[in-house]
Amino acid sequence: MAIRGNAVIVTIQYRLGPLGFLVHPGLESENSNSKSGNYLVLDQILALKWIKNNISQFGGDNNKVMIFGESAGAVDVGNLLCTNEAEGLFQRACMESGIPVINLYQNAKLNGINYVNDYILEGSDEEKISFMRNVDALDLVKDNTSPFENGIVQSSWGAVKDDVIFDDYSFISFQNGNFNKVPVIIGSNSDEASLTAPLLVTPAMVETLINSIVPQEYRTEATELYPPGDSNEEARTSYINLLTDMQFISNARKTAECIAVNQDEPVWRYFFTYKHSISQLEKFGSYHGMELFYVFNNWENTIFGSGNLFKESDEYIQDNMLKYWINFANTGNPNSDSLESWPEFKAGKDCYLNIKYESDGTQCGIRTTETDFWYKVKNNNYCSFDPNLINESSIISNINFIYPNPADNIMYINEYFYNENTECKILDITGRILLSSNNQSININSLSPGIYFVILKNMEGTFINKLIKI
């Protein structure tokens, strides 16, 4: 990319997982602001400051810094848009197959306490952290799970609203206009879940997926959009499309809309639909991360893209993507006279560039029917969320304080979260309270199979999880 394009490419190292995000009282006591976590973000900000001060020595321009990343890297890019600490450190941003995610501090703290207690139970918080600093790094991450398993995105670690690095949650920052306003590229691939979805998917598995994710009143519509089919091949296609639309395409549209309506700087959306030209990989379509081979121009260096396997179509895609990305880095606009016109994204029109070999011109609306459906299921549009779920003490967390989940007859509250003052409520997707209890075990037989919110209140705060009733 650096050789073929007029740009200096910088890759950076930063802490990941518990090393990048651990929130713990033993770490809070070390800091004057009594907060911890967000170490990954601090690493990235430090790197951007280094670039600002030094990139001219490498032929770069510190007034044309473009940050870009894919998947978790796109989350990082989106989060950097939302911190004042990164103001002025970059002038363009590109999110590939990911959107910003900022979590509730208190939930991350409880997660961190549980994590450290798995290694050491005795001693003060400070003594526990001292012990953890002597644990081998590989042992610290030995229990990490795949962030993209069976086609479903999941993560136990992430950035938090600490009122130091992040003053608010990402979409609230966008809505309030309190973010770094720069030209933005955002996009996703047409078959994001294809490599990680089970190789064998039956029609029954599609039905189970719909029943576990979609509220009962929307399941008929979901089945029409994602039919289980009459064969395993048809079922797998629907399984992949459902998870791709729900997790990536609808989120990319929503984020693009939210940014576009709250800044004057342009937003550009893409949809990567190109498929590898060899039959062994063509069946996976445009899978998660595939576009990186073409952005960086290194598909030709892989086994599957070497020699005669590297086709004219591969050259076309990589040449165009490099030019779009380099143009954007230099000017904030990916277009040039030699390229197919990439329309600027506008909320409500959803125009985009379809990245594939044989272009069919400017298009607007990526899987609009499906995206509108997920907007309805998630009860949101543009920047807004259910107002009952937007406040300091109630953001859906990655901590599962209930078990089992999915649950059938009885749901239990983790003993760490339960005390005599605990109040638990189970709500449907509209926010209607269906069950209320002060017990550690709750009978949920009366609930229909579907997805619910569980709101737990105790002296520590308010916590929210999603519950899947089977």
Protein backbone atom coordinates (compact mmCIF):
# COMPACT_ATOMS: atom_id res chain seq x y z
CA MET A 1 0.00 0.00 0.00
CA ALA A 2 2.81 2.39 0.85
CA ILE A 3 4.80 1.45 -2.25
CA ARG A 4 1.87 1.75 -4.67
CA GLY A 5 0.07 4.66 -3.03
CA ASN A 6 1.11 8.17 -2.11
CA ALA A 7 0.94 7.57 1.63
CA VAL A 8 2.97 6.65 4.68
CA ILE A 9 1.43 3.63 6.44
CA VAL A 10 1.82 3.32 10.21
CA THR A 11 0.74 0.28 12.22
CA ILE A 12 0.76 0.47 15.99
CA GLN A 13 0.93 -1.91 18.95
CA TYR A 14 -1.52 -1.64 21.82
CA ARG A 15 -2.72 -3.75 24.74
CA LEU A 16 -5.63 -6.12 24.22
CA GLY A 17 -8.18 -8.00 26.32
CA PRO A 18 -7.64 -7.70 30.09
CA LEU A 19 -4.30 -5.98 29.47
CA GLY A 20 -6.08 -3.26 27.53
CA PHE A 21 -9.34 -2.91 29.43
CA LEU A 22 -9.16 -4.20 33.02
CA VAL A 23 -11.15 -2.07 35.47
CA HIS A 24 -10.37 -2.86 39.11
CA PRO A 25 -10.30 -1.06 42.49
CA GLY A 26 -6.61 -1.93 42.88
CA LEU A 27 -5.87 0.00 39.71
CA GLU A 28 -8.19 2.88 40.58
CA SER A 29 -6.20 3.64 43.74
CA GLU A 30 -3.09 4.27 41.62
CA ASN A 31 -4.70 7.10 39.66
CA SER A 32 -5.54 10.61 40.78
CA ASN A 33 -8.92 10.41 39.06
CA SER A 34 -9.73 7.09 40.79
CA LYS A 35 -10.54 5.42 37.47
CA SER A 36 -9.00 2.54 35.55
CA GLY A 37 -9.41 0.76 32.21
CA ASN A 38 -9.20 2.16 28.67
CA TYR A 39 -5.48 1.36 28.50
CA LEU A 40 -5.84 0.29 24.87
CA VAL A 41 -7.29 3.72 24.05
CA LEU A 42 -4.47 5.47 25.90
CA ASP A 43 -1.93 3.45 23.90
CA GLN A 44 -3.56 4.51 20.65
CA ILE A 45 -3.74 8.16 21.67
CA LEU A 46 -0.05 8.06 22.60
CA ALA A 47 0.76 6.57 19.19
CA LEU A 48 -1.25 9.29 17.45
CA LYS A 49 0.63 11.95 19.40
CA TRP A 50 3.90 10.36 18.32
CA ILE A 51 2.70 10.42 14.70
CA LYS A 52 1.71 14.08 14.99
CA ASN A 53 5.16 14.98 16.30
CA ASN A 54 7.32 12.70 14.15
CA ILE A 55 5.62 11.62 10.92
CA SER A 56 7.14 14.48 8.91
CA GLN A 57 10.52 12.82 9.43
CA PHE A 58 9.18 9.87 7.40
CA GLY A 59 7.66 11.97 4.61
CA GLY A 60 4.20 12.10 6.14
CA ASP A 61 1.84 15.02 6.69
CA ASN A 62 0.46 15.40 10.22
CA ASN A 63 -2.46 17.42 8.84
CA LYS A 64 -3.65 14.43 6.79
CA VAL A 65 -3.71 11.62 9.32
CA MET A 66 -6.27 8.93 8.54
CA ILE A 67 -7.09 6.30 11.15
CA PHE A 68 -8.64 3.10 9.86
CA GLY A 69 -9.32 -0.35 11.19
CA GLU A 70 -11.41 -3.46 10.67
CA SER A 71 -13.67 -5.32 13.12
CA ALA A 72 -12.27 -4.56 16.61
CA GLY A 73 -10.05 -2.02 14.84
CA ALA A 74 -13.18 -0.32 13.52
CA VAL A 75 -14.54 -0.24 17.08
CA ASP A 76 -11.32 1.50 18.11
CA VAL A 77 -11.62 4.04 15.30
CA GLY A 78 -15.22 4.78 16.22
CA ASN A 79 -14.30 5.16 19.88
CA LEU A 80 -11.51 7.60 19.01
CA LEU A 81 -14.14 9.75 17.33
CA CYS A 82 -15.81 10.00 20.74
CA THR A 83 -12.95 11.16 22.97
CA ASN A 84 -11.77 14.73 23.38
CA GLU A 85 -8.33 13.31 24.20
CA ALA A 86 -7.87 12.51 20.49
CA GLU A 87 -9.03 15.91 19.23
CA GLY A 88 -6.77 17.19 16.45
CA LEU A 89 -4.74 13.99 16.24
CA PHE A 90 -6.41 12.75 13.04
CA GLN A 91 -8.31 14.33 10.16
CA ARG A 92 -10.03 11.30 8.55
CA ALA A 93 -11.53 8.07 9.92
CA CYS A 94 -12.53 4.78 8.33
CA MET A 95 -14.49 1.99 10.04
CA GLU A 96 -14.52 -1.38 8.25
CA SER A 97 -17.06 -3.89 9.60
CA GLY A 98 -17.42 -2.38 13.04
CA ILE A 99 -18.89 0.54 15.00
CA PRO A 100 -17.97 2.29 18.28
CA VAL A 101 -18.75 0.49 21.53
CA ILE A 102 -18.37 2.13 24.95
CA ASN A 103 -19.58 0.15 27.96
CA LEU A 104 -20.83 0.91 31.45
CA TYR A 105 -17.95 1.49 33.89
CA GLN A 106 -19.54 -0.22 36.91
CA ASN A 107 -20.27 -3.40 34.96
CA ALA A 108 -16.69 -3.54 33.68
CA LYS A 109 -15.47 -3.06 37.25
CA LEU A 110 -17.49 -6.02 38.50
CA ASN A 111 -16.22 -8.04 35.55
CA GLY A 112 -12.66 -7.03 36.47
CA ILE A 113 -13.13 -8.01 40.11
CA ASN A 114 -14.41 -11.43 39.11
CA TYR A 115 -11.54 -11.83 36.64
CA VAL A 116 -8.84 -11.04 39.22
CA ASN A 117 -10.53 -13.22 41.84
CA ASP A 118 -10.13 -16.19 39.51
CA TYR A 119 -6.36 -15.79 40.03
CA ILE A 120 -6.19 -14.66 43.65
CA LEU A 121 -8.86 -14.42 46.36
CA GLU A 122 -6.90 -13.28 49.41
CA GLY A 123 -5.45 -9.85 50.14
CA SER A 124 -6.33 -6.23 49.52
CA ASP A 125 -7.23 -4.89 46.08
CA GLU A 126 -3.74 -3.40 45.76
CA GLU A 127 -2.10 -6.69 46.77
CA LYS A 128 -4.16 -8.55 44.21
CA ILE A 129 -3.03 -6.19 41.43
CA SER A 130 0.57 -6.57 42.58
CA PHE A 131 0.15 -10.33 42.28
CA MET A 132 -1.43 -10.00 38.80
CA ARG A 133 1.56 -8.01 37.55
CA ASN A 134 3.71 -11.09 38.14
CA VAL A 135 1.43 -13.43 36.20
CA ASP A 136 2.75 -14.39 32.78
CA ALA A 137 0.94 -12.49 30.02
CA LEU A 138 -0.06 -15.70 28.25
CA ASP A 139 -1.71 -16.93 31.44
CA LEU A 140 -3.69 -13.69 31.65
CA VAL A 141 -5.33 -14.32 28.29
CA LYS A 142 -5.54 -18.13 28.39
CA ASP A 143 -9.32 -18.12 28.87
CA ASN A 144 -10.08 -15.58 26.15
CA THR A 145 -12.73 -16.82 23.74
CA SER A 146 -13.24 -16.10 20.06
CA PRO A 147 -14.85 -12.70 19.49
CA PHE A 148 -16.73 -14.07 16.48
CA GLU A 149 -17.94 -17.61 17.21
CA ASN A 150 -20.68 -19.39 15.27
CA GLY A 151 -21.20 -16.13 13.41
CA ILE A 152 -22.08 -14.23 16.59
CA VAL A 153 -20.00 -11.25 17.74
CA GLN A 154 -19.12 -11.33 21.43
CA SER A 155 -16.54 -9.74 23.68
CA SER A 156 -15.84 -9.68 27.41
CA TRP A 157 -13.54 -6.65 27.21
CA GLY A 158 -14.02 -3.15 25.89
CA ALA A 159 -13.77 0.59 26.39
CA VAL A 160 -15.76 2.15 29.22
CA LYS A 161 -17.36 5.49 30.01
CA ASP A 162 -14.96 6.65 32.73
CA ASP A 163 -15.63 10.42 32.55
CA VAL A 164 -11.91 10.81 31.81
CA ILE A 165 -11.30 9.40 28.33
CA PHE A 166 -14.97 9.02 27.45
CA ASP A 167 -17.54 11.47 28.78
CA ASP A 168 -20.48 9.60 27.28
CA TYR A 169 -21.59 6.59 25.26
CA SER A 170 -20.84 6.73 21.56
CA PHE A 171 -24.30 7.35 20.10
CA ILE A 172 -25.11 9.90 22.76
CA SER A 173 -21.85 11.70 21.87
CA PHE A 174 -22.88 11.68 18.21
CA GLN A 175 -26.37 12.89 19.02
CA ASN A 176 -25.04 15.71 21.22
CA GLY A 177 -22.44 16.72 18.63
CA ASN A 178 -19.67 16.10 21.15
CA PHE A 179 -17.29 14.12 18.95
CA ASN A 180 -14.35 14.62 16.60
CA LYS A 181 -15.97 15.73 13.35
CA VAL A 182 -13.93 14.52 10.39
CA PRO A 183 -14.71 12.94 7.02
CA VAL A 184 -15.70 9.31 7.58
CA ILE A 185 -15.75 6.10 5.54
CA ILE A 186 -17.87 3.29 6.96
CA GLY A 187 -18.91 0.00 5.46
CA SER A 188 -19.41 -3.71 5.72
CA ASN A 189 -19.18 -6.88 3.67
CA SER A 190 -22.12 -8.76 2.21
CA ASP A 191 -21.40 -12.10 3.92
CA GLU A 192 -19.72 -11.13 7.19
CA ALA A 193 -20.70 -14.29 9.08
CA SER A 194 -19.91 -16.84 6.36
CA LEU A 195 -16.49 -18.03 7.59
CA THR A 196 -17.47 -18.32 11.24
CA ALA A 197 -21.02 -19.69 10.91
CA PRO A 198 -21.32 -23.46 11.40
CA LEU A 199 -20.49 -25.32 8.20
CA LEU A 200 -23.63 -27.39 8.65
CA VAL A 201 -26.79 -25.41 9.31
CA THR A 202 -30.17 -27.12 9.29
CA PRO A 203 -33.56 -25.41 8.82
CA ALA A 204 -34.26 -26.13 12.50
CA MET A 205 -31.13 -24.19 13.48
CA VAL A 206 -32.41 -21.13 11.61
CA GLU A 207 -35.74 -21.40 13.42
CA THR A 208 -33.92 -21.66 16.76
CA LEU A 209 -31.77 -18.65 15.92
CA ILE A 210 -34.84 -16.57 15.04
CA ASN A 211 -36.68 -17.68 18.19
CA SER A 212 -33.69 -16.84 20.39
CA ILE A 213 -33.05 -13.38 18.95
CA VAL A 214 -36.33 -12.03 17.60
CA PRO A 215 -39.31 -11.13 19.83
CA GLN A 216 -42.36 -13.27 19.23
CA GLU A 217 -44.39 -10.56 17.49
CA TYR A 218 -41.71 -10.19 14.78
CA ARG A 219 -40.88 -13.84 14.14
CA THR A 220 -43.22 -14.34 11.20
CA GLU A 221 -41.63 -11.38 9.44
CA ALA A 222 -38.16 -12.64 10.32
CA THR A 223 -38.96 -16.05 8.85
CA GLU A 224 -40.13 -14.39 5.63
CA LEU A 225 -36.88 -12.41 5.39
CA TYR A 226 -34.68 -15.33 6.44
CA PRO A 227 -36.55 -18.51 5.44
CA PRO A 228 -35.21 -21.73 7.04
CA GLY A 229 -35.46 -23.35 3.61
CA ASP A 230 -35.76 -26.97 2.54
CA SER A 231 -32.06 -27.82 2.54
CA ASN A 232 -29.00 -27.27 4.69
CA GLU A 233 -27.53 -25.02 1.99
CA GLU A 234 -30.59 -22.77 1.98
CA ALA A 235 -30.63 -22.75 5.78
CA ARG A 236 -26.97 -21.71 5.99
CA THR A 237 -27.59 -18.82 3.59
CA SER A 238 -30.40 -17.49 5.78
CA TYR A 239 -28.34 -18.02 8.94
CA ILE A 240 -25.44 -16.00 7.48
CA ASN A 241 -27.69 -13.26 6.09
CA LEU A 242 -29.55 -12.82 9.39
CA LEU A 243 -26.38 -12.44 11.47
CA THR A 244 -24.71 -10.24 8.85
CA ASP A 245 -27.69 -7.90 8.59
CA MET A 246 -28.34 -7.72 12.32
CA GLN A 247 -24.75 -7.24 13.49
CA PHE A 248 -23.07 -5.37 10.64
CA ILE A 249 -25.20 -3.90 7.87
CA SER A 250 -27.89 -2.35 10.06
CA ASN A 251 -25.25 -1.06 12.51
CA ALA A 252 -23.19 0.50 9.71
CA ARG A 253 -26.23 2.30 8.33
CA LYS A 254 -27.28 3.53 11.76
CA THR A 255 -23.78 4.82 12.59
CA ALA A 256 -23.45 6.51 9.20
CA GLU A 257 -26.82 8.21 9.67
CA CYS A 258 -26.02 9.31 13.20
CA ILE A 259 -22.70 10.86 12.21
CA ALA A 260 -23.99 12.39 8.98
CA VAL A 261 -26.88 14.26 10.61
CA ASN A 262 -24.62 15.73 13.28
CA GLN A 263 -21.66 17.04 11.27
CA ASP A 264 -21.00 19.00 8.09
CA GLU A 265 -18.02 16.84 7.08
CA PRO A 266 -18.88 14.16 4.49
CA VAL A 267 -19.65 10.52 5.21
CA TRP A 268 -18.99 7.80 2.63
CA ARG A 269 -20.53 4.33 2.88
CA TYR A 270 -19.36 1.23 1.00
CA PHE A 271 -20.70 -2.30 0.57
CA PHE A 272 -18.04 -4.88 -0.29
CA THR A 273 -19.62 -7.65 -2.38
CA TYR A 274 -16.65 -8.96 -4.37
CA LYS A 275 -16.02 -12.71 -4.13
CA HIS A 276 -12.71 -14.51 -4.58
CA SER A 277 -12.30 -15.91 -8.06
CA ILE A 278 -11.38 -19.47 -7.01
CA SER A 279 -14.18 -21.94 -6.37
CA GLN A 280 -12.87 -23.11 -2.97
CA LEU A 281 -13.40 -19.62 -1.52
CA GLU A 282 -16.06 -18.17 -3.78
CA LYS A 283 -18.75 -20.08 -1.86
CA PHE A 284 -17.93 -18.04 1.28
CA GLY A 285 -18.79 -14.80 -0.52
CA SER A 286 -17.53 -11.51 0.91
CA TYR A 287 -16.58 -12.74 4.37
CA HIS A 288 -15.51 -10.80 7.46
CA GLY A 289 -12.08 -9.23 6.93
CA MET A 290 -11.83 -10.15 3.26
CA GLU A 291 -11.56 -6.54 2.05
CA LEU A 292 -8.27 -6.10 3.93
CA PHE A 293 -6.43 -8.26 1.37
CA TYR A 294 -7.45 -5.75 -1.30
CA VAL A 295 -7.06 -2.54 0.71
CA PHE A 296 -3.46 -3.51 1.50
CA ASN A 297 -2.83 -5.06 -1.93
CA ASN A 298 -1.51 -8.34 -0.54
CA TRP A 299 -3.95 -11.00 -1.80
CA GLU A 300 -1.33 -11.78 -4.46
CA ASN A 301 1.07 -12.80 -1.67
CA THR A 302 -1.25 -15.49 -0.29
CA ILE A 303 -1.35 -19.13 -1.37
CA PHE A 304 -4.84 -18.75 -2.82
CA GLY A 305 -3.99 -15.57 -4.70
CA SER A 306 -0.53 -16.38 -6.05
CA GLY A 307 0.51 -17.01 -9.64
CA ASN A 308 -2.28 -17.90 -12.04
CA LEU A 309 -4.79 -17.85 -9.17
CA PHE A 310 -4.49 -14.06 -9.09
CA LYS A 311 -7.06 -12.90 -11.62
CA GLU A 312 -7.76 -9.68 -13.50
CA SER A 313 -10.71 -9.11 -11.18
CA ASP A 314 -8.43 -9.29 -8.13
CA GLU A 315 -6.13 -6.69 -9.66
CA TYR A 316 -9.09 -4.45 -10.45
CA ILE A 317 -10.47 -4.58 -6.92
CA GLN A 318 -7.18 -4.03 -5.14
CA ASP A 319 -6.12 -1.21 -7.46
CA ASN A 320 -9.41 0.64 -6.99
CA MET A 321 -9.60 0.12 -3.23
CA LEU A 322 -6.05 1.37 -2.76
CA LYS A 323 -6.85 4.49 -4.80
CA TYR A 324 -10.09 5.19 -2.92
CA TRP A 325 -8.41 4.81 0.47
CA ILE A 326 -5.34 6.88 -0.52
CA ASN A 327 -7.50 9.63 -2.05
CA PHE A 328 -9.53 9.77 1.13
CA ALA A 329 -6.41 10.02 3.27
CA ASN A 330 -5.13 12.91 1.18
CA THR A 331 -8.31 14.93 0.66
CA GLY A 332 -11.15 13.52 2.76
CA ASN A 333 -12.87 12.53 -0.49
CA PRO A 334 -12.23 9.05 -1.99
CA ASN A 335 -13.15 10.11 -5.53
CA SER A 336 -10.97 10.88 -8.53
CA ASP A 337 -11.55 11.12 -12.29
CA SER A 338 -10.18 7.61 -12.94
CA LEU A 339 -12.58 5.87 -10.54
CA GLU A 340 -16.27 5.06 -10.48
CA SER A 341 -18.03 7.88 -8.66
CA TRP A 342 -18.58 7.19 -4.97
CA PRO A 343 -21.69 9.12 -3.85
CA GLU A 344 -21.67 10.93 -0.52
CA PHE A 345 -23.88 9.27 2.09
CA LYS A 346 -26.92 11.21 3.24
CA ALA A 347 -29.28 10.04 6.00
CA GLY A 348 -32.54 8.88 4.50
CA LYS A 349 -31.04 8.17 1.07
CA ASP A 350 -28.33 5.68 2.08
CA CYS A 351 -26.29 5.98 -1.12
CA TYR A 352 -23.10 3.97 -1.24
CA LEU A 353 -20.34 2.45 -3.36
CA ASN A 354 -20.76 -1.22 -4.23
CA ILE A 355 -17.23 -2.64 -4.37
CA LYS A 356 -17.25 -5.48 -6.89
CA TYR A 357 -15.71 -6.35 -10.27
CA GLU A 358 -18.52 -5.47 -12.65
CA SER A 359 -20.03 -2.26 -11.35
CA ASP A 360 -23.67 -1.44 -11.94
CA GLY A 361 -23.32 2.21 -11.08
CA THR A 362 -24.33 4.37 -8.14
CA GLN A 363 -26.76 2.69 -5.78
CA CYS A 364 -28.83 3.72 -2.79
CA GLY A 365 -30.19 1.47 -0.09
CA ILE A 366 -28.31 -1.59 1.19
CA ARG A 367 -30.78 -4.35 2.14
CA THR A 368 -33.19 -1.63 3.19
CA THR A 369 -36.10 -3.93 4.01
CA GLU A 370 -33.91 -6.09 6.24
CA THR A 371 -32.28 -3.08 7.91
CA ASP A 372 -35.64 -1.46 8.57
CA PHE A 373 -36.73 -4.72 10.16
CA TRP A 374 -33.76 -4.72 12.57
CA TYR A 375 -34.39 -1.06 13.39
CA LYS A 376 -37.89 -2.10 14.41
CA VAL A 377 -36.74 -5.13 16.41
CA LYS A 378 -34.10 -3.09 18.24
CA ASN A 379 -36.61 -0.28 18.74
CA ASN A 380 -34.26 2.41 17.49
CA ASN A 381 -33.44 4.63 14.54
CA TYR A 382 -30.75 7.15 13.74
CA CYS A 383 -29.05 8.00 17.02
CA SER A 384 -31.86 7.14 19.39
CA PHE A 385 -32.33 4.23 21.75
CA ASP A 386 -35.18 3.27 24.04
CA PRO A 387 -35.13 6.26 26.43
CA ASN A 388 -35.58 3.87 29.35
CA LEU A 389 -32.19 2.37 28.55
CA ILE A 390 -30.14 5.57 28.18
CA ASN A 391 -28.74 6.78 31.45
CA GLU A 392 -25.67 6.46 33.62
CA SER A 393 -26.80 3.30 35.36
CA SER A 394 -28.54 1.33 32.65
CA ILE A 395 -26.56 0.36 29.59
CA ILE A 396 -26.71 -3.25 28.41
CA SER A 397 -23.50 -4.93 29.57
CA ASN A 398 -21.40 -7.91 28.62
CA ILE A 399 -21.55 -9.25 32.18
CA ASN A 400 -23.99 -12.11 32.49
CA PHE A 401 -25.27 -11.75 36.05
CA ILE A 402 -28.03 -14.25 35.26
CA TYR A 403 -27.73 -17.92 34.47
CA PRO A 404 -28.40 -20.07 32.60
CA ASN A 405 -28.80 -17.85 29.56
CA PRO A 406 -30.58 -19.00 27.40
CA ALA A 407 -32.95 -20.24 30.12
CA ASP A 408 -35.98 -22.51 30.09
CA ASN A 409 -37.88 -22.70 33.40
CA ILE A 410 -35.80 -21.06 36.12
CA MET A 411 -33.42 -18.07 35.91
CA TYR A 412 -30.86 -17.52 38.67
CA ILE A 413 -29.03 -14.37 39.75
CA ASN A 414 -25.29 -14.75 40.27
CA GLU A 415 -24.60 -14.71 44.00
CA TYR A 416 -22.05 -11.91 43.56
CA PHE A 417 -24.85 -9.60 42.40
CA TYR A 418 -27.49 -10.78 44.84
CA ASN A 419 -28.27 -9.50 48.33
CA GLU A 420 -31.37 -8.85 50.41
CA ASN A 421 -31.83 -5.45 48.74
CA THR A 422 -31.75 -6.81 45.19
CA GLU A 423 -34.72 -6.06 42.97
CA CYS A 424 -35.06 -7.82 39.63
CA LYS A 425 -37.45 -6.96 36.81
CA ILE A 426 -37.96 -8.69 33.48
CA LEU A 427 -39.21 -6.52 30.61
CA ASP A 428 -40.25 -7.24 27.06
CA ILE A 429 -38.72 -5.46 24.07
CA THR A 430 -41.15 -2.56 24.44
CA GLY A 431 -40.14 -1.92 28.06
CA ARG A 432 -43.27 -3.45 29.61
CA ILE A 433 -42.56 -5.10 32.99
CA LEU A 434 -43.61 -8.74 32.92
CA LEU A 435 -42.08 -10.11 36.13
CA SER A 436 -40.70 -8.59 39.31
CA SER A 437 -38.91 -10.44 42.10
CA ASN A 438 -36.58 -10.08 45.08
CA ASN A 439 -35.55 -13.74 44.95
CA GLN A 440 -32.28 -15.20 43.71
CA SER A 441 -34.18 -17.77 41.62
CA ILE A 442 -37.05 -16.65 39.40
CA ASN A 443 -39.60 -18.87 37.68
CA ILE A 444 -39.91 -17.74 34.04
CA ASN A 445 -42.32 -20.42 32.81
CA SER A 446 -44.93 -17.76 32.13
CA LEU A 447 -42.71 -16.08 29.51
CA SER A 448 -43.01 -17.03 25.87
CA PRO A 449 -39.79 -18.02 24.08
CA GLY A 450 -37.98 -14.89 22.94
CA ILE A 451 -35.65 -12.11 24.01
CA TYR A 452 -36.16 -9.97 27.12
CA PHE A 453 -34.37 -7.37 29.23
CA VAL A 454 -33.46 -8.17 32.84
CA ILE A 455 -32.95 -5.10 35.03
CA LEU A 456 -31.22 -5.69 38.34
CA LYS A 457 -31.02 -3.03 41.05
CA ASN A 458 -29.02 -3.27 44.26
CA MET A 459 -26.79 -1.05 46.39
CA GLU A 460 -24.04 -1.25 43.74
CA GLY A 461 -26.18 0.23 41.00
CA THR A 462 -28.43 -0.79 38.14
CA PHE A 463 -27.46 -3.45 35.63
CA ILE A 464 -29.09 -4.73 32.47
CA ASN A 465 -28.72 -7.99 30.56
CA LYS A 466 -30.54 -9.58 27.70
CA LEU A 467 -32.30 -12.84 28.58
CA ILE A 468 -33.10 -15.45 25.97
CA LYS A 469 -36.09 -17.57 26.99
CA ILE A 470 -36.26 -20.93 25.21
